[in-house]
Amino acid sequence: MQHKIYVGTFLKLKTGFMQMEGSSKIMYCGMSNENTFVVTPLVHVGYQGFSPSIYYDISSKIVHMYDREFDVIEVTPMYIILGD
């Protein structure tokens, strides 16, 4: 399955056994320069949370988020396409 994430939008991912443990969110933050793209997970419990920016080289083929691996299919300044 492929996921296309535009800059500033969240992708909601189901987590846990049979998707009963809730969901996680990741956001594509664009490209900080022509050789680097930025992805951030949203980590929260109740009203408290944080969202660390993770920088990847443009040649990266795999992104690690929430103990999962996503294949990087395409990266542009406006969107990223990730595959499960």
PDB file of N, CA and C in Angstrom:
ATOM      1  N   MET A   1       0.847  -1.171   0.000  1.00  0.00           N
ATOM      2  CA  MET A   1       0.000   0.000   0.000  1.00  0.00           C
ATOM      3  C   MET A   1       0.894   1.237   0.000  1.00  0.00           C
ATOM      4  N   GLN A   2       0.510   2.226  -0.794  1.00  0.00           N
ATOM      5  CA  GLN A   2       1.265   3.472  -0.877  1.00  0.00           C
ATOM      6  C   GLN A   2       0.508   4.591  -0.191  1.00  0.00           C
ATOM      7  N   HIS A   3       1.275   5.470   0.458  1.00  0.00           N
ATOM      8  CA  HIS A   3       0.705   6.619   1.151  1.00  0.00           C
ATOM      9  C   HIS A   3       1.344   7.883   0.595  1.00  0.00           C
ATOM     10  N   LYS A   4       0.530   8.797   0.112  1.00  0.00           N
ATOM     11  CA  LYS A   4       1.025  10.079  -0.391  1.00  0.00           C
ATOM     12  C   LYS A   4       0.717  11.135   0.666  1.00  0.00           C
ATOM     13  N   ILE A   5       1.763  11.763   1.198  1.00  0.00           N
ATOM     14  CA  ILE A   5       1.607  12.751   2.261  1.00  0.00           C
ATOM     15  C   ILE A   5       2.069  14.097   1.735  1.00  0.00           C
ATOM     16  N   TYR A   6       1.197  15.086   1.774  1.00  0.00           N
ATOM     17  CA  TYR A   6       1.554  16.438   1.357  1.00  0.00           C
ATOM     18  C   TYR A   6       2.165  17.202   2.527  1.00  0.00           C
ATOM     19  N   VAL A   7       2.902  18.248   2.235  1.00  0.00           N
ATOM     20  CA  VAL A   7       3.550  19.059   3.267  1.00  0.00           C
ATOM     21  C   VAL A   7       2.505  19.590   4.246  1.00  0.00           C
ATOM     22  N   GLY A   8       2.754  19.391   5.532  1.00  0.00           N
ATOM     23  CA  GLY A   8       1.885  19.913   6.573  1.00  0.00           C
ATOM     24  C   GLY A   8       0.654  19.091   6.880  1.00  0.00           C
ATOM     25  N   THR A   9       0.496  17.936   6.238  1.00  0.00           N
ATOM     26  CA  THR A   9      -0.654  17.087   6.526  1.00  0.00           C
ATOM     27  C   THR A   9      -0.200  15.811   7.226  1.00  0.00           C
ATOM     28  N   PHE A  10      -1.093  15.232   8.003  1.00  0.00           N
ATOM     29  CA  PHE A  10      -0.797  14.026   8.760  1.00  0.00           C
ATOM     30  C   PHE A  10      -1.286  12.792   8.033  1.00  0.00           C
ATOM     31  N   LEU A  11      -0.542  11.710   8.211  1.00  0.00           N
ATOM     32  CA  LEU A  11      -0.975  10.383   7.790  1.00  0.00           C
ATOM     33  C   LEU A  11      -1.262   9.604   9.058  1.00  0.00           C
ATOM     34  N   LYS A  12      -2.483   9.116   9.191  1.00  0.00           N
ATOM     35  CA  LYS A  12      -2.887   8.366  10.376  1.00  0.00           C
ATOM     36  C   LYS A  12      -2.628   6.889  10.125  1.00  0.00           C
ATOM     37  N   LEU A  13      -1.841   6.276  11.012  1.00  0.00           N
ATOM     38  CA  LEU A  13      -1.474   4.874  10.884  1.00  0.00           C
ATOM     39  C   LEU A  13      -2.111   4.076  12.000  1.00  0.00           C
ATOM     40  N   LYS A  14      -2.715   2.969  11.661  1.00  0.00           N
ATOM     41  CA  LYS A  14      -3.262   2.068  12.666  1.00  0.00           C
ATOM     42  C   LYS A  14      -2.110   1.284  13.280  1.00  0.00           C
ATOM     43  N   THR A  15      -2.144   1.109  14.611  1.00  0.00           N
ATOM     44  CA  THR A  15      -1.088   0.369  15.294  1.00  0.00           C
ATOM     45  C   THR A  15      -1.696  -0.712  16.160  1.00  0.00           C
ATOM     46  N   GLY A  16      -0.887  -1.685  16.485  1.00  0.00           N
ATOM     47  CA  GLY A  16      -1.306  -2.710  17.427  1.00  0.00           C
ATOM     48  C   GLY A  16      -2.038  -3.867  16.772  1.00  0.00           C
ATOM     49  N   PHE A  17      -2.367  -4.829  17.583  1.00  0.00           N
ATOM     50  CA  PHE A  17      -3.045  -6.036  17.137  1.00  0.00           C
ATOM     51  C   PHE A  17      -4.457  -5.704  16.679  1.00  0.00           C
ATOM     52  N   MET A  18      -4.748  -6.010  15.433  1.00  0.00           N
ATOM     53  CA  MET A  18      -6.076  -5.800  14.853  1.00  0.00           C
ATOM     54  C   MET A  18      -6.526  -4.330  14.956  1.00  0.00           C
ATOM     55  N   GLN A  19      -5.564  -3.413  14.974  1.00  0.00           N
ATOM     56  CA  GLN A  19      -5.836  -1.971  15.026  1.00  0.00           C
ATOM     57  C   GLN A  19      -6.694  -1.574  16.229  1.00  0.00           C
ATOM     58  N   MET A  20      -6.545  -2.261  17.350  1.00  0.00           N
ATOM     59  CA  MET A  20      -7.358  -1.945  18.518  1.00  0.00           C
ATOM     60  C   MET A  20      -6.624  -1.076  19.530  1.00  0.00           C
ATOM     61  N   GLU A  21      -5.334  -0.838  19.331  1.00  0.00           N
ATOM     62  CA  GLU A  21      -4.568  -0.046  20.275  1.00  0.00           C
ATOM     63  C   GLU A  21      -4.521   1.423  19.905  1.00  0.00           C
ATOM     64  N   GLY A  22      -5.283   1.861  18.933  1.00  0.00           N
ATOM     65  CA  GLY A  22      -5.278   3.267  18.559  1.00  0.00           C
ATOM     66  C   GLY A  22      -4.526   3.505  17.272  1.00  0.00           C
ATOM     67  N   SER A  23      -4.063   4.736  17.108  1.00  0.00           N
ATOM     68  CA  SER A  23      -3.378   5.089  15.878  1.00  0.00           C
ATOM     69  C   SER A  23      -2.208   6.009  16.177  1.00  0.00           C
ATOM     70  N   SER A  24      -1.329   6.126  15.201  1.00  0.00           N
ATOM     71  CA  SER A  24      -0.183   7.015  15.261  1.00  0.00           C
ATOM     72  C   SER A  24      -0.255   7.933  14.055  1.00  0.00           C
ATOM     73  N   LYS A  25       0.407   9.074  14.151  1.00  0.00           N
ATOM     74  CA  LYS A  25       0.387  10.020  13.040  1.00  0.00           C
ATOM     75  C   LYS A  25       1.809  10.414  12.674  1.00  0.00           C
ATOM     76  N   ILE A  26       2.048  10.547  11.366  1.00  0.00           N
ATOM     77  CA  ILE A  26       3.308  11.113  10.890  1.00  0.00           C
ATOM     78  C   ILE A  26       2.977  12.249   9.939  1.00  0.00           C
ATOM     79  N   MET A  27       3.892  13.226   9.865  1.00  0.00           N
ATOM     80  CA  MET A  27       3.690  14.387   9.010  1.00  0.00           C
ATOM     81  C   MET A  27       4.937  14.604   8.161  1.00  0.00           C
ATOM     82  N   TYR A  28       4.722  14.955   6.912  1.00  0.00           N
ATOM     83  CA  TYR A  28       5.820  15.322   6.022  1.00  0.00           C
ATOM     84  C   TYR A  28       6.029  16.825   6.138  1.00  0.00           C
ATOM     85  N   CYS A  29       7.262  17.225   6.446  1.00  0.00           N
ATOM     86  CA  CYS A  29       7.570  18.645   6.670  1.00  0.00           C
ATOM     87  C   CYS A  29       8.282  19.292   5.496  1.00  0.00           C
ATOM     88  N   GLY A  30       8.450  18.574   4.410  1.00  0.00           N
ATOM     89  CA  GLY A  30       9.084  19.155   3.232  1.00  0.00           C
ATOM     90  C   GLY A  30      10.578  18.866   3.187  1.00  0.00           C
ATOM     91  N   MET A  31      11.274  19.673   2.391  1.00  0.00           N
ATOM     92  CA  MET A  31      12.712  19.506   2.218  1.00  0.00           C
ATOM     93  C   MET A  31      13.420  20.726   2.804  1.00  0.00           C
ATOM     94  N   SER A  32      14.356  20.471   3.717  1.00  0.00           N
ATOM     95  CA  SER A  32      15.089  21.576   4.321  1.00  0.00           C
ATOM     96  C   SER A  32      16.140  22.131   3.360  1.00  0.00           C
ATOM     97  N   ASN A  33      16.645  21.305   2.452  1.00  0.00           N
ATOM     98  CA  ASN A  33      17.497  21.724   1.336  1.00  0.00           C
ATOM     99  C   ASN A  33      17.345  20.692   0.225  1.00  0.00           C
ATOM    100  N   GLU A  34      18.096  20.817  -0.836  1.00  0.00           N
ATOM    101  CA  GLU A  34      17.891  19.918  -1.974  1.00  0.00           C
ATOM    102  C   GLU A  34      18.355  18.489  -1.706  1.00  0.00           C
ATOM    103  N   ASN A  35      19.070  18.246  -0.600  1.00  0.00           N
ATOM    104  CA  ASN A  35      19.580  16.912  -0.286  1.00  0.00           C
ATOM    105  C   ASN A  35      18.946  16.278   0.944  1.00  0.00           C
ATOM    106  N   THR A  36      17.985  16.952   1.579  1.00  0.00           N
ATOM    107  CA  THR A  36      17.430  16.473   2.838  1.00  0.00           C
ATOM    108  C   THR A  36      15.920  16.672   2.874  1.00  0.00           C
ATOM    109  N   PHE A  37      15.190  15.630   3.349  1.00  0.00           N
ATOM    110  CA  PHE A  37      13.760  15.788   3.595  1.00  0.00           C
ATOM    111  C   PHE A  37      13.470  15.496   5.063  1.00  0.00           C
ATOM    112  N   VAL A  38      12.343  16.018   5.547  1.00  0.00           N
ATOM    113  CA  VAL A  38      12.034  15.968   6.977  1.00  0.00           C
ATOM    114  C   VAL A  38      10.672  15.300   7.198  1.00  0.00           C
ATOM    115  N   VAL A  39      10.653  14.314   8.093  1.00  0.00           N
ATOM    116  CA  VAL A  39       9.434  13.622   8.489  1.00  0.00           C
ATOM    117  C   VAL A  39       9.357  13.694  10.010  1.00  0.00           C
ATOM    118  N   THR A  40       8.152  13.865  10.551  1.00  0.00           N
ATOM    119  CA  THR A  40       8.008  13.961  11.997  1.00  0.00           C
ATOM    120  C   THR A  40       6.864  13.085  12.495  1.00  0.00           C
ATOM    121  N   PRO A  41       7.108  12.313  13.573  1.00  0.00           N
ATOM    122  CA  PRO A  41       6.011  11.573  14.200  1.00  0.00           C
ATOM    123  C   PRO A  41       5.333  12.451  15.249  1.00  0.00           C
ATOM    124  N   LEU A  42       4.053  12.299  15.419  1.00  0.00           N
ATOM    125  CA  LEU A  42       3.325  12.992  16.479  1.00  0.00           C
ATOM    126  C   LEU A  42       3.171  12.012  17.634  1.00  0.00           C
ATOM    127  N   VAL A  43       3.781  12.333  18.749  1.00  0.00           N
ATOM    128  CA  VAL A  43       3.745  11.483  19.930  1.00  0.00           C
ATOM    129  C   VAL A  43       2.975  12.233  21.005  1.00  0.00           C
ATOM    130  N   HIS A  44       1.849  11.657  21.472  1.00  0.00           N
ATOM    131  CA  HIS A  44       1.063  12.361  22.483  1.00  0.00           C
ATOM    132  C   HIS A  44       0.354  11.387  23.405  1.00  0.00           C
ATOM    133  N   VAL A  45       0.119  11.875  24.614  1.00  0.00           N
ATOM    134  CA  VAL A  45      -0.673  11.166  25.613  1.00  0.00           C
ATOM    135  C   VAL A  45      -1.572  12.225  26.244  1.00  0.00           C
ATOM    136  N   GLY A  46      -2.859  12.099  26.028  1.00  0.00           N
ATOM    137  CA  GLY A  46      -3.785  13.107  26.551  1.00  0.00           C
ATOM    138  C   GLY A  46      -3.548  14.452  25.894  1.00  0.00           C
ATOM    139  N   TYR A  47      -3.329  15.476  26.717  1.00  0.00           N
ATOM    140  CA  TYR A  47      -3.117  16.822  26.194  1.00  0.00           C
ATOM    141  C   TYR A  47      -1.644  17.170  26.031  1.00  0.00           C
ATOM    142  N   GLN A  48      -0.753  16.263  26.356  1.00  0.00           N
ATOM    143  CA  GLN A  48       0.671  16.526  26.248  1.00  0.00           C
ATOM    144  C   GLN A  48       1.256  15.724  25.101  1.00  0.00           C
ATOM    145  N   GLY A  49       2.192  16.341  24.389  1.00  0.00           N
ATOM    146  CA  GLY A  49       2.824  15.642  23.295  1.00  0.00           C
ATOM    147  C   GLY A  49       4.007  16.400  22.750  1.00  0.00           C
ATOM    148  N   PHE A  50       4.693  15.773  21.812  1.00  0.00           N
ATOM    149  CA  PHE A  50       5.806  16.413  21.133  1.00  0.00           C
ATOM    150  C   PHE A  50       5.907  15.830  19.738  1.00  0.00           C
ATOM    151  N   SER A  51       6.659  16.518  18.901  1.00  0.00           N
ATOM    152  CA  SER A  51       6.782  16.111  17.518  1.00  0.00           C
ATOM    153  C   SER A  51       8.207  16.398  17.033  1.00  0.00           C
ATOM    154  N   PRO A  52       9.138  15.455  17.231  1.00  0.00           N
ATOM    155  CA  PRO A  52      10.524  15.685  16.823  1.00  0.00           C
ATOM    156  C   PRO A  52      10.687  15.598  15.309  1.00  0.00           C
ATOM    157  N   SER A  53      11.483  16.473  14.756  1.00  0.00           N
ATOM    158  CA  SER A  53      11.768  16.439  13.321  1.00  0.00           C
ATOM    159  C   SER A  53      12.913  15.467  13.067  1.00  0.00           C
ATOM    160  N   ILE A  54      12.717  14.563  12.103  1.00  0.00           N
ATOM    161  CA  ILE A  54      13.740  13.588  11.751  1.00  0.00           C
ATOM    162  C   ILE A  54      14.181  13.877  10.318  1.00  0.00           C
ATOM    163  N   TYR A  55      15.461  14.116  10.136  1.00  0.00           N
ATOM    164  CA  TYR A  55      16.022  14.492   8.843  1.00  0.00           C
ATOM    165  C   TYR A  55      16.597  13.260   8.153  1.00  0.00           C
ATOM    166  N   TYR A  56      16.248  13.089   6.882  1.00  0.00           N
ATOM    167  CA  TYR A  56      16.739  11.966   6.078  1.00  0.00           C
ATOM    168  C   TYR A  56      17.422  12.490   4.830  1.00  0.00           C
ATOM    169  N   ASP A  57      18.458  11.774   4.404  1.00  0.00           N
ATOM    170  CA  ASP A  57      19.127  12.097   3.154  1.00  0.00           C
ATOM    171  C   ASP A  57      18.191  11.772   1.988  1.00  0.00           C
ATOM    172  N   ILE A  58      18.268  12.545   0.929  1.00  0.00           N
ATOM    173  CA  ILE A  58      17.376  12.359  -0.222  1.00  0.00           C
ATOM    174  C   ILE A  58      17.551  10.972  -0.853  1.00  0.00           C
ATOM    175  N   SER A  59      18.703  10.348  -0.664  1.00  0.00           N
ATOM    176  CA  SER A  59      18.942   9.020  -1.232  1.00  0.00           C
ATOM    177  C   SER A  59      18.458   7.892  -0.325  1.00  0.00           C
ATOM    178  N   SER A  60      17.848   8.219   0.824  1.00  0.00           N
ATOM    179  CA  SER A  60      17.338   7.187   1.735  1.00  0.00           C
ATOM    180  C   SER A  60      16.229   6.391   1.064  1.00  0.00           C
ATOM    181  N   LYS A  61      16.292   5.097   1.215  1.00  0.00           N
ATOM    182  CA  LYS A  61      15.281   4.212   0.635  1.00  0.00           C
ATOM    183  C   LYS A  61      14.271   3.730   1.663  1.00  0.00           C
ATOM    184  N   ILE A  62      14.610   3.858   2.966  1.00  0.00           N
ATOM    185  CA  ILE A  62      13.745   3.379   4.035  1.00  0.00           C
ATOM    186  C   ILE A  62      13.643   4.452   5.117  1.00  0.00           C
ATOM    187  N   VAL A  63      12.416   4.634   5.650  1.00  0.00           N
ATOM    188  CA  VAL A  63      12.151   5.539   6.764  1.00  0.00           C
ATOM    189  C   VAL A  63      11.636   4.700   7.918  1.00  0.00           C
ATOM    190  N   HIS A  64      12.204   4.875   9.095  1.00  0.00           N
ATOM    191  CA  HIS A  64      11.778   4.137  10.295  1.00  0.00           C
ATOM    192  C   HIS A  64      10.914   5.042  11.156  1.00  0.00           C
ATOM    193  N   MET A  65       9.676   4.611  11.430  1.00  0.00           N
ATOM    194  CA  MET A  65       8.748   5.344  12.302  1.00  0.00           C
ATOM    195  C   MET A  65       7.935   4.345  13.101  1.00  0.00           C
ATOM    196  N   TYR A  66       7.811   4.552  14.397  1.00  0.00           N
ATOM    197  CA  TYR A  66       6.957   3.721  15.256  1.00  0.00           C
ATOM    198  C   TYR A  66       7.248   2.234  15.106  1.00  0.00           C
ATOM    199  N   ASP A  67       8.494   1.851  15.129  1.00  0.00           N
ATOM    200  CA  ASP A  67       8.895   0.447  14.996  1.00  0.00           C
ATOM    201  C   ASP A  67       8.422  -0.168  13.686  1.00  0.00           C
ATOM    202  N   ARG A  68       8.232   0.652  12.682  1.00  0.00           N
ATOM    203  CA  ARG A  68       7.845   0.175  11.347  1.00  0.00           C
ATOM    204  C   ARG A  68       8.806   0.745  10.326  1.00  0.00           C
ATOM    205  N   GLU A  69       8.908   0.070   9.203  1.00  0.00           N
ATOM    206  CA  GLU A  69       9.718   0.543   8.087  1.00  0.00           C
ATOM    207  C   GLU A  69       8.806   0.906   6.933  1.00  0.00           C
ATOM    208  N   PHE A  70       9.092   2.032   6.310  1.00  0.00           N
ATOM    209  CA  PHE A  70       8.376   2.461   5.121  1.00  0.00           C
ATOM    210  C   PHE A  70       9.379   2.650   4.002  1.00  0.00           C
ATOM    211  N   ASP A  71       9.040   2.147   2.817  1.00  0.00           N
ATOM    212  CA  ASP A  71       9.874   2.370   1.640  1.00  0.00           C
ATOM    213  C   ASP A  71       9.615   3.763   1.107  1.00  0.00           C
ATOM    214  N   VAL A  72      10.688   4.478   0.783  1.00  0.00           N
ATOM    215  CA  VAL A  72      10.558   5.803   0.188  1.00  0.00           C
ATOM    216  C   VAL A  72      10.475   5.610  -1.316  1.00  0.00           C
ATOM    217  N   ILE A  73       9.323   5.917  -1.884  1.00  0.00           N
ATOM    218  CA  ILE A  73       9.099   5.714  -3.307  1.00  0.00           C
ATOM    219  C   ILE A  73       9.419   6.979  -4.096  1.00  0.00           C
ATOM    220  N   GLU A  74       8.933   8.120  -3.602  1.00  0.00           N
ATOM    221  CA  GLU A  74       9.177   9.389  -4.296  1.00  0.00           C
ATOM    222  C   GLU A  74       9.193  10.523  -3.280  1.00  0.00           C
ATOM    223  N   VAL A  75      10.118  11.470  -3.484  1.00  0.00           N
ATOM    224  CA  VAL A  75      10.217  12.643  -2.619  1.00  0.00           C
ATOM    225  C   VAL A  75      10.273  13.884  -3.491  1.00  0.00           C
ATOM    226  N   THR A  76       9.384  14.836  -3.228  1.00  0.00           N
ATOM    227  CA  THR A  76       9.405  16.139  -3.880  1.00  0.00           C
ATOM    228  C   THR A  76       9.267  17.197  -2.778  1.00  0.00           C
ATOM    229  N   PRO A  77       9.498  18.459  -3.094  1.00  0.00           N
ATOM    230  CA  PRO A  77       9.297  19.505  -2.079  1.00  0.00           C
ATOM    231  C   PRO A  77       7.838  19.618  -1.617  1.00  0.00           C
ATOM    232  N   MET A  78       6.876  19.127  -2.381  1.00  0.00           N
ATOM    233  CA  MET A  78       5.463  19.260  -2.045  1.00  0.00           C
ATOM    234  C   MET A  78       4.851  18.005  -1.417  1.00  0.00           C
ATOM    235  N   TYR A  79       5.393  16.825  -1.675  1.00  0.00           N
ATOM    236  CA  TYR A  79       4.835  15.590  -1.129  1.00  0.00           C
ATOM    237  C   TYR A  79       5.874  14.490  -1.071  1.00  0.00           C
ATOM    238  N   ILE A  80       5.532  13.437  -0.330  1.00  0.00           N
ATOM    239  CA  ILE A  80       6.354  12.227  -0.272  1.00  0.00           C
ATOM    240  C   ILE A  80       5.408  11.041  -0.438  1.00  0.00           C
ATOM    241  N   ILE A  81       5.891  10.013  -1.104  1.00  0.00           N
ATOM    242  CA  ILE A  81       5.120   8.778  -1.258  1.00  0.00           C
ATOM    243  C   ILE A  81       5.884   7.673  -0.524  1.00  0.00           C
ATOM    244  N   LEU A  82       5.205   7.082   0.466  1.00  0.00           N
ATOM    245  CA  LEU A  82       5.782   6.002   1.259  1.00  0.00           C
ATOM    246  C   LEU A  82       5.012   4.711   0.993  1.00  0.00           C
ATOM    247  N   GLY A  83       5.713   3.604   1.010  1.00  0.00           N
ATOM    248  CA  GLY A  83       5.082   2.300   0.819  1.00  0.00           C
ATOM    249  C   GLY A  83       5.270   1.417   2.038  1.00  0.00           C
ATOM    250  N   ASP A  84       4.264   0.593   2.319  1.00  0.00           N
ATOM    251  CA  ASP A  84       4.349  -0.357   3.438  1.00  0.00           C
ATOM    252  C   ASP A  84       5.167  -1.562   3.033  1.00  0.00           C
TER     253      ASP A  84
END
